[in-house]
């Protein structure tokens, strides 16, 4: 009797299918509820009648947000911050990880421990703010990009991935006359599409959802990312006059503004994810293998 036909294995498959189905339901239910709340009327949300389907179909909150020009200005800022920050973070992380993957490099252990040390310890919020302010980065794009340019977790995953690439390929490329930069660009990076796509996803999601860094270092409304805009809207920091709305519209918007904010923030990530998800598992797993 083969393993896949044994009674024990069939029982395992049924239990495994039931458990995974339960995990999927538990994962998708909150998201479905958020979608329903974003399209429901105030009275049904307050009384707890909204579950998986909208009650009293309502688009007034979406109109409140989308009709405001400042929303689109902040949305554009978020796109710019995410693209620039992800590009810089990927450049620095890739270069640093490639260097750390070379076991013959002198001082390699020191460089690794410097990175790991920053993962465990930090100077604190006030010293970091003083540093950013003293460098003149406040109210600029660089205040968003530079303080979080390298994630040590992503760095270590990419380093492990590079370490598991065949060394013979790099040796053959060196014999053919390629220098270090040529080997990285023409040999290593084309073989690293999986981990690169995974790191791009990690960084872009992190920068897209980030709001606290912008909250600290940006003081002009025209420079805010969309997360700050939606945070202020949720917190009631904005008034009905700033949006040209009647008080009733603001009351209506306040009932499901959290759900609308989540939907508007997560939609771009959901649109991009299907294009990189096929690299996601292989990139993380291959990068987690220790040589």
Protein backbone atom coordinates (compact mmCIF):
# COMPACT_ATOMS: atom_id res chain seq x y z
CA UNK A 1 0.00 0.00 0.00
CA UNK A 2 1.43 3.37 -1.03
CA UNK A 3 1.59 6.29 1.35
CA UNK A 4 -1.01 8.39 -0.48
CA UNK A 5 -3.58 5.54 -0.23
CA UNK A 6 -3.06 4.63 3.41
CA UNK A 7 -5.95 5.40 5.84
CA UNK A 8 -3.71 7.52 8.04
CA UNK A 9 -2.60 9.70 5.15
CA UNK A 10 -6.17 10.21 3.95
CA UNK A 11 -7.21 11.27 7.45
CA UNK A 12 -4.27 13.67 7.57
CA UNK A 13 -5.30 15.21 4.24
CA UNK A 14 -8.88 15.74 5.42
CA UNK A 15 -7.76 17.30 8.71
CA UNK A 16 -5.22 19.44 6.88
CA UNK A 17 -7.86 20.63 4.41
CA UNK A 18 -10.29 21.50 7.22
CA UNK A 19 -7.65 23.40 9.19
CA UNK A 20 -6.46 25.37 6.17
CA UNK A 21 -10.06 26.16 5.18
CA UNK A 22 -10.66 27.48 8.68
CA UNK A 23 -7.51 29.61 8.46
CA UNK A 24 -8.68 31.08 5.13
CA UNK A 25 -12.12 31.90 6.55
CA UNK A 26 -10.66 33.52 9.66
CA UNK A 27 -8.29 35.55 7.47
CA UNK A 28 -10.84 36.70 4.90
CA UNK A 29 -13.75 37.41 7.26
CA UNK A 30 -12.35 40.67 8.76
CA UNK A 31 -11.49 41.97 5.29
CA UNK A 32 -14.97 41.15 3.98
CA UNK A 33 -16.47 42.90 7.00
CA UNK A 34 -14.37 46.00 6.35
CA UNK A 35 -15.57 46.14 2.73
CA UNK A 36 -19.18 45.83 3.89
CA UNK A 37 -18.79 48.57 6.50
CA UNK A 38 -17.26 50.93 3.97
CA UNK A 39 -20.41 50.71 1.84
CA UNK A 40 -22.98 50.68 4.66
CA UNK A 41 -25.06 53.45 6.21
CA UNK A 42 -24.37 54.87 9.63
CA UNK A 43 -27.41 53.47 11.43
CA UNK A 44 -26.61 49.87 10.50
CA UNK A 45 -22.95 50.20 11.49
CA UNK A 46 -23.74 51.73 14.88
CA UNK A 47 -26.30 49.03 15.70
CA UNK A 48 -23.92 46.25 14.65
CA UNK A 49 -26.07 44.92 11.80
CA UNK A 50 -23.28 44.90 9.19
CA UNK A 51 -21.65 41.52 8.69
CA UNK A 52 -20.59 40.15 5.30
CA UNK A 53 -22.94 42.21 3.14
CA UNK A 54 -23.46 46.02 3.12
CA UNK A 55 -26.65 47.35 4.68
CA UNK A 56 -28.19 50.50 3.22
CA UNK A 57 -25.74 50.99 0.35
CA UNK A 58 -23.82 54.24 0.94
CA UNK A 59 -21.04 56.01 -0.99
CA UNK A 60 -21.02 59.33 0.86
CA UNK A 61 -17.79 58.60 2.74
CA UNK A 62 -15.96 57.73 -0.47
CA UNK A 63 -17.26 60.98 -1.96
CA UNK A 64 -16.02 62.91 1.07
CA UNK A 65 -12.49 61.64 0.60
CA UNK A 66 -12.21 61.39 -3.18
CA UNK A 67 -13.70 64.82 -3.88
CA UNK A 68 -11.02 66.56 -1.83
CA UNK A 69 -8.02 67.76 -3.95
CA UNK A 70 -5.71 67.37 -0.95
CA UNK A 71 -6.42 63.63 -0.92
CA UNK A 72 -5.03 63.27 -4.43
CA UNK A 73 -2.04 65.48 -3.59
CA UNK A 74 -1.19 63.29 -0.62
CA UNK A 75 -1.83 60.15 -2.66
CA UNK A 76 0.66 61.36 -5.27
CA UNK A 77 3.15 62.02 -2.47
CA UNK A 78 2.75 58.47 -1.22
CA UNK A 79 3.45 57.05 -4.67
CA UNK A 80 6.57 59.22 -5.02
CA UNK A 81 7.83 58.40 -1.53
CA UNK A 82 7.25 54.68 -2.04
CA UNK A 83 8.93 54.48 -5.45
CA UNK A 84 11.98 56.56 -4.49
CA UNK A 85 12.40 54.96 -1.07
CA UNK A 86 12.06 51.43 -2.44
CA UNK A 87 14.58 52.10 -5.22
CA UNK A 88 17.16 53.51 -2.78
CA UNK A 89 16.52 50.76 -0.23
CA UNK A 90 16.92 48.03 -2.85
CA UNK A 91 20.17 49.56 -4.16
CA UNK A 92 21.72 49.82 -0.70
CA UNK A 93 20.44 46.46 0.54
CA UNK A 94 21.57 44.61 -2.59
CA UNK A 95 25.07 46.10 -2.50
CA UNK A 96 25.49 45.51 1.23
CA UNK A 97 24.12 41.95 1.06
CA UNK A 98 26.38 41.06 -1.88
CA UNK A 99 29.42 42.27 0.04
CA UNK A 100 28.44 40.31 3.15
CA UNK A 101 27.92 37.14 1.11
CA UNK A 102 31.66 36.99 0.29
CA UNK A 103 33.14 34.77 2.99
CA UNK A 104 36.71 35.69 2.04
CA UNK A 105 36.09 39.40 2.73
CA UNK A 106 38.22 40.80 5.54
CA UNK A 107 36.14 42.35 8.29
CA UNK A 108 33.00 40.57 7.08
CA UNK A 109 32.04 39.45 10.59
CA UNK A 110 32.35 43.00 11.90
CA UNK A 111 30.10 44.34 9.14
CA UNK A 112 27.50 41.66 9.89
CA UNK A 113 27.49 42.43 13.60
CA UNK A 114 27.20 46.15 12.93
CA UNK A 115 24.00 45.44 10.97
CA UNK A 116 22.63 43.02 13.58
CA UNK A 117 23.44 45.47 16.40
CA UNK A 118 21.21 48.11 14.81
CA UNK A 119 18.45 45.51 14.60
CA UNK A 120 18.51 45.06 18.38
CA UNK A 121 19.52 48.50 19.67
CA UNK A 122 18.74 52.02 18.50
CA UNK A 123 19.62 55.49 19.67
CA UNK A 124 16.00 56.32 20.46
CA UNK A 125 13.36 58.55 18.98
CA UNK A 126 14.65 61.90 20.28
CA UNK A 127 18.30 61.45 19.13
CA UNK A 128 17.03 60.31 15.73
CA UNK A 129 14.80 63.36 15.40
CA UNK A 130 17.67 65.66 16.44
CA UNK A 131 19.94 64.02 13.86
CA UNK A 132 17.40 64.31 11.01
CA UNK A 133 16.64 67.92 11.95
CA UNK A 134 20.32 68.90 12.25
CA UNK A 135 20.99 67.46 8.77
CA UNK A 136 18.30 69.73 7.35
CA UNK A 137 16.15 66.85 6.16
CA UNK A 138 12.94 67.96 7.87
CA UNK A 139 10.09 68.67 5.46
CA UNK A 140 11.87 66.89 2.61
CA UNK A 141 11.59 63.58 0.81
CA UNK A 142 14.88 62.45 2.35
CA UNK A 143 13.42 62.46 5.86
CA UNK A 144 11.12 59.66 4.72
CA UNK A 145 13.68 57.74 2.65
CA UNK A 146 17.02 57.80 4.45
CA UNK A 147 16.19 56.84 8.09
CA UNK A 148 14.64 53.55 6.92
CA UNK A 149 16.80 52.89 3.89
CA UNK A 150 17.99 49.43 5.00
CA UNK A 151 15.97 46.75 6.78
CA UNK A 152 18.37 44.38 8.52
CA UNK A 153 15.90 41.49 8.17
CA UNK A 154 15.73 42.00 4.41
CA UNK A 155 19.51 42.40 4.32
CA UNK A 156 20.09 39.05 6.02
CA UNK A 157 17.59 37.24 3.80
CA UNK A 158 19.22 38.61 0.64
CA UNK A 159 22.70 37.83 1.99
CA UNK A 160 21.71 34.19 2.58
CA UNK A 161 20.29 34.01 -0.94
CA UNK A 162 23.51 35.32 -2.50
CA UNK A 163 25.56 32.86 -0.43
CA UNK A 164 23.67 29.94 -1.98
CA UNK A 165 24.29 30.96 -5.57
CA UNK A 166 26.84 28.73 -7.37
CA UNK A 167 30.30 30.21 -6.92
CA UNK A 168 31.51 28.60 -10.13
CA UNK A 169 29.41 31.02 -12.18
CA UNK A 170 31.14 34.04 -10.68
CA UNK A 171 34.55 32.45 -11.12
CA UNK A 172 33.83 31.73 -14.78
CA UNK A 173 32.62 35.32 -15.29
CA UNK A 174 35.80 36.65 -13.65
CA UNK A 175 37.92 34.51 -15.98
CA UNK A 176 35.99 35.99 -18.94
CA UNK A 177 37.05 39.46 -17.79
CA UNK A 178 34.08 40.75 -15.80
CA UNK A 179 34.87 42.88 -12.76
CA UNK A 180 32.92 42.80 -9.49
CA UNK A 181 30.24 45.22 -10.70
CA UNK A 182 29.84 43.35 -13.99
CA UNK A 183 29.42 40.04 -12.16
CA UNK A 184 26.78 41.54 -9.87
CA UNK A 185 24.84 43.19 -12.72
CA UNK A 186 25.10 40.52 -15.43
CA UNK A 187 25.33 37.27 -13.45
CA UNK A 188 24.02 37.62 -9.88
CA UNK A 189 21.02 39.90 -10.32
CA UNK A 190 19.43 37.97 -13.23
CA UNK A 191 19.59 34.84 -11.06
CA UNK A 192 18.05 36.65 -8.09
CA UNK A 193 14.68 37.70 -9.50
CA UNK A 194 12.80 35.78 -6.80
CA UNK A 195 14.48 37.41 -3.81
CA UNK A 196 14.55 40.85 -5.49
CA UNK A 197 10.78 40.71 -6.13
CA UNK A 198 10.23 39.62 -2.53
CA UNK A 199 12.35 42.44 -1.13
CA UNK A 200 10.64 44.99 -3.39
CA UNK A 201 7.30 43.81 -2.01
CA UNK A 202 8.51 44.02 1.59
CA UNK A 203 9.96 47.50 1.17
CA UNK A 204 7.11 48.94 -0.88
CA UNK A 205 4.46 47.72 1.57
CA UNK A 206 6.46 49.10 4.48
CA UNK A 207 6.92 52.54 2.90
CA UNK A 208 3.34 52.67 1.60
CA UNK A 209 1.84 51.98 5.02
CA UNK A 210 4.29 54.14 6.96
CA UNK A 211 2.83 57.21 8.64
CA UNK A 212 4.79 57.81 11.85
CA UNK A 213 8.00 58.92 10.10
CA UNK A 214 6.04 61.44 8.03
CA UNK A 215 4.15 62.51 11.16
CA UNK A 216 7.48 63.33 12.84
CA UNK A 217 9.41 65.03 10.05
CA UNK A 218 6.81 66.60 7.73
CA UNK A 219 4.94 69.69 8.88
CA UNK A 220 3.27 70.95 5.71
CA UNK A 221 -0.02 69.43 4.62
CA UNK A 222 1.00 69.48 0.94
CA UNK A 223 3.88 67.10 1.78
CA UNK A 224 1.88 64.54 3.76
CA UNK A 225 1.45 60.99 2.46
CA UNK A 226 -2.07 59.65 2.15
CA UNK A 227 -1.71 57.70 5.40
CA UNK A 228 -1.39 60.98 7.34
CA UNK A 229 -4.39 62.41 5.49
CA UNK A 230 -6.52 59.42 6.40
CA UNK A 231 -5.19 59.35 9.95
CA UNK A 232 -6.21 62.99 10.43
CA UNK A 233 -9.59 62.27 8.92
CA UNK A 234 -10.15 59.33 11.25
CA UNK A 235 -8.97 61.24 14.31
CA UNK A 236 -11.27 64.13 13.56
CA UNK A 237 -8.33 66.50 13.20
CA UNK A 238 -9.95 68.06 10.16
CA UNK A 239 -13.12 70.11 10.27
CA UNK A 240 -16.14 70.21 8.04
CA UNK A 241 -15.04 73.62 6.75
CA UNK A 242 -11.74 72.22 5.45
CA UNK A 243 -13.68 69.90 3.19
CA UNK A 244 -16.56 72.23 2.37
CA UNK A 245 -19.00 69.72 3.85
CA UNK A 246 -22.13 70.02 5.88
CA UNK A 247 -22.07 68.74 9.45
CA UNK A 248 -24.37 65.87 8.50
CA UNK A 249 -21.94 64.70 5.85
CA UNK A 250 -19.12 64.61 8.36
CA UNK A 251 -21.28 62.65 10.81
CA UNK A 252 -22.13 60.18 8.10
CA UNK A 253 -18.48 59.92 7.09
CA UNK A 254 -17.34 59.39 10.69
CA UNK A 255 -19.35 56.18 10.99
CA UNK A 256 -17.41 54.20 8.41
CA UNK A 257 -14.34 56.35 7.78
CA UNK A 258 -12.01 53.71 9.23
CA UNK A 259 -13.23 51.09 6.78
CA UNK A 260 -13.00 53.50 3.84
CA UNK A 261 -9.49 54.53 4.92
CA UNK A 262 -8.34 50.91 5.02
CA UNK A 263 -9.85 50.19 1.61
CA UNK A 264 -8.29 53.20 -0.10
CA UNK A 265 -4.90 52.45 1.44
CA UNK A 266 -4.76 48.74 0.70
CA UNK A 267 -6.11 48.74 -2.87
CA UNK A 268 -2.80 49.62 -4.63
CA UNK A 269 -0.96 46.90 -2.72
CA UNK A 270 -3.65 44.37 -3.67
CA UNK A 271 -3.27 45.43 -7.30
CA UNK A 272 0.52 44.93 -7.29
CA UNK A 273 0.70 41.76 -5.19
CA UNK A 274 -0.56 39.27 -7.84
CA UNK A 275 2.35 40.22 -10.10
CA UNK A 276 5.01 39.40 -7.49
CA UNK A 277 3.37 36.70 -5.37
CA UNK A 278 4.77 33.89 -7.54
CA UNK A 279 8.26 34.98 -6.47
CA UNK A 280 7.31 35.47 -2.83
CA UNK A 281 7.55 31.94 -1.41
CA UNK A 282 10.62 30.93 -3.41
CA UNK A 283 12.40 34.19 -2.56
CA UNK A 284 11.88 33.87 1.19
CA UNK A 285 12.56 30.12 1.34
CA UNK A 286 15.71 30.27 -0.78
CA UNK A 287 16.93 33.28 1.18
CA UNK A 288 16.33 31.42 4.45
CA UNK A 289 18.57 28.45 3.51
CA UNK A 290 21.84 28.70 5.39
CA UNK A 291 24.94 27.45 3.64
